[in-house]
């Protein structure tokens, strides 16, 4: 499914796509490896964000990016999610 998602991003970058969320309670399942692969493929068209970035009102760094990736984020408030 992740590879199909990346193909859509490459072939139709302006097409709205659902949010892809990789979740596993276990470690060593490849989630970080997948984000690294996406970063290597899409380069400067990606941005890594943290929980504080998502809680901020300032979102200028995200504008114009194809991928916004976030790892190990705990969102406490429903508004943030």
C-alpha atoms as a PDB file:
ATOM      1  CA  UNK A   1       0.000   0.000   0.000  1.00  0.00           C
ATOM      2  CA  UNK A   2       2.870   2.361   0.788  1.00  0.00           C
ATOM      3  CA  UNK A   3       4.415   1.794  -2.631  1.00  0.00           C
ATOM      4  CA  UNK A   4       1.096   2.501  -4.364  1.00  0.00           C
ATOM      5  CA  UNK A   5       0.859   5.704  -2.337  1.00  0.00           C
ATOM      6  CA  UNK A   6       4.354   6.776  -3.415  1.00  0.00           C
ATOM      7  CA  UNK A   7       3.526   6.021  -7.062  1.00  0.00           C
ATOM      8  CA  UNK A   8       0.484   8.280  -6.838  1.00  0.00           C
ATOM      9  CA  UNK A   9       2.622  11.034  -5.313  1.00  0.00           C
ATOM     10  CA  UNK A  10       5.117  10.760  -8.173  1.00  0.00           C
ATOM     11  CA  UNK A  11       2.633  10.470 -11.028  1.00  0.00           C
ATOM     12  CA  UNK A  12      -0.097  12.839  -9.761  1.00  0.00           C
ATOM     13  CA  UNK A  13       1.456  15.175  -7.187  1.00  0.00           C
ATOM     14  CA  UNK A  14      -1.575  17.508  -7.094  1.00  0.00           C
ATOM     15  CA  UNK A  15      -4.118  14.741  -6.484  1.00  0.00           C
ATOM     16  CA  UNK A  16      -5.566  14.872  -2.965  1.00  0.00           C
ATOM     17  CA  UNK A  17      -4.692  11.681  -1.126  1.00  0.00           C
ATOM     18  CA  UNK A  18      -5.701  10.389   2.295  1.00  0.00           C
ATOM     19  CA  UNK A  19      -3.328  10.645   5.205  1.00  0.00           C
ATOM     20  CA  UNK A  20      -1.059   7.618   5.377  1.00  0.00           C
ATOM     21  CA  UNK A  21      -0.394   6.628   8.962  1.00  0.00           C
ATOM     22  CA  UNK A  22       1.995   3.840   9.843  1.00  0.00           C
ATOM     23  CA  UNK A  23       1.354   2.515  13.311  1.00  0.00           C
ATOM     24  CA  UNK A  24       2.693  -0.435  15.213  1.00  0.00           C
ATOM     25  CA  UNK A  25       3.117  -0.762  18.966  1.00  0.00           C
ATOM     26  CA  UNK A  26       6.221  -2.841  18.286  1.00  0.00           C
ATOM     27  CA  UNK A  27       9.681  -1.545  17.476  1.00  0.00           C
ATOM     28  CA  UNK A  28      11.749  -2.492  14.420  1.00  0.00           C
ATOM     29  CA  UNK A  29       8.808  -2.761  11.993  1.00  0.00           C
ATOM     30  CA  UNK A  30      10.159  -0.434   9.278  1.00  0.00           C
ATOM     31  CA  UNK A  31       8.192   2.750   9.932  1.00  0.00           C
ATOM     32  CA  UNK A  32      11.285   4.966  10.143  1.00  0.00           C
ATOM     33  CA  UNK A  33      12.860   3.174   7.204  1.00  0.00           C
ATOM     34  CA  UNK A  34       9.801   3.968   5.095  1.00  0.00           C
ATOM     35  CA  UNK A  35       9.955   7.672   5.990  1.00  0.00           C
ATOM     36  CA  UNK A  36      13.676   7.711   5.169  1.00  0.00           C
ATOM     37  CA  UNK A  37      12.948   6.101   1.793  1.00  0.00           C
ATOM     38  CA  UNK A  38      10.295   8.741   1.080  1.00  0.00           C
ATOM     39  CA  UNK A  39      12.739  11.479   2.017  1.00  0.00           C
ATOM     40  CA  UNK A  40      15.409  10.065  -0.302  1.00  0.00           C
ATOM     41  CA  UNK A  41      12.957   9.845  -3.197  1.00  0.00           C
ATOM     42  CA  UNK A  42      11.203  13.205  -2.785  1.00  0.00           C
ATOM     43  CA  UNK A  43      14.131  15.185  -1.333  1.00  0.00           C
ATOM     44  CA  UNK A  44      13.408  18.864  -0.682  1.00  0.00           C
ATOM     45  CA  UNK A  45       9.738  18.280  -1.355  1.00  0.00           C
ATOM     46  CA  UNK A  46       9.413  16.737   2.130  1.00  0.00           C
ATOM     47  CA  UNK A  47       9.539  18.161   5.624  1.00  0.00           C
ATOM     48  CA  UNK A  48       9.830  16.467   9.039  1.00  0.00           C
ATOM     49  CA  UNK A  49       7.713  17.983  11.784  1.00  0.00           C
ATOM     50  CA  UNK A  50       7.439  17.453  15.525  1.00  0.00           C
ATOM     51  CA  UNK A  51       4.474  17.620  17.899  1.00  0.00           C
ATOM     52  CA  UNK A  52       5.254  21.242  18.734  1.00  0.00           C
ATOM     53  CA  UNK A  53       5.211  22.112  15.031  1.00  0.00           C
ATOM     54  CA  UNK A  54       1.751  20.583  14.724  1.00  0.00           C
ATOM     55  CA  UNK A  55       0.485  22.508  17.757  1.00  0.00           C
ATOM     56  CA  UNK A  56       1.796  25.813  16.433  1.00  0.00           C
ATOM     57  CA  UNK A  57      -0.297  28.275  14.443  1.00  0.00           C
ATOM     58  CA  UNK A  58       2.676  28.928  12.149  1.00  0.00           C
ATOM     59  CA  UNK A  59       2.576  26.558   9.190  1.00  0.00           C
ATOM     60  CA  UNK A  60       4.594  28.370   6.486  1.00  0.00           C
ATOM     61  CA  UNK A  61       7.315  25.648   6.336  1.00  0.00           C
ATOM     62  CA  UNK A  62       4.674  23.097   5.277  1.00  0.00           C
ATOM     63  CA  UNK A  63       3.197  25.102   2.400  1.00  0.00           C
ATOM     64  CA  UNK A  64       4.199  23.693  -0.956  1.00  0.00           C
ATOM     65  CA  UNK A  65       5.608  20.428   0.402  1.00  0.00           C
ATOM     66  CA  UNK A  66       4.397  17.168  -1.056  1.00  0.00           C
ATOM     67  CA  UNK A  67       5.038  15.136   2.097  1.00  0.00           C
ATOM     68  CA  UNK A  68       4.860  16.190   5.723  1.00  0.00           C
ATOM     69  CA  UNK A  69       6.301  13.440   7.891  1.00  0.00           C
ATOM     70  CA  UNK A  70       6.059  13.095  11.630  1.00  0.00           C
ATOM     71  CA  UNK A  71       7.530  10.389  13.834  1.00  0.00           C
ATOM     72  CA  UNK A  72       6.834   9.416  17.417  1.00  0.00           C
ATOM     73  CA  UNK A  73       4.263  12.113  17.950  1.00  0.00           C
ATOM     74  CA  UNK A  74       1.913  12.121  20.878  1.00  0.00           C
ATOM     75  CA  UNK A  75      -0.981  14.508  20.422  1.00  0.00           C
ATOM     76  CA  UNK A  76      -2.833  15.102  23.650  1.00  0.00           C
ATOM     77  CA  UNK A  77      -5.512  17.459  22.455  1.00  0.00           C
ATOM     78  CA  UNK A  78      -8.150  16.548  19.887  1.00  0.00           C
ATOM     79  CA  UNK A  79      -7.645  19.968  18.287  1.00  0.00           C
ATOM     80  CA  UNK A  80      -4.019  19.098  17.461  1.00  0.00           C
ATOM     81  CA  UNK A  81      -4.942  15.871  15.725  1.00  0.00           C
END
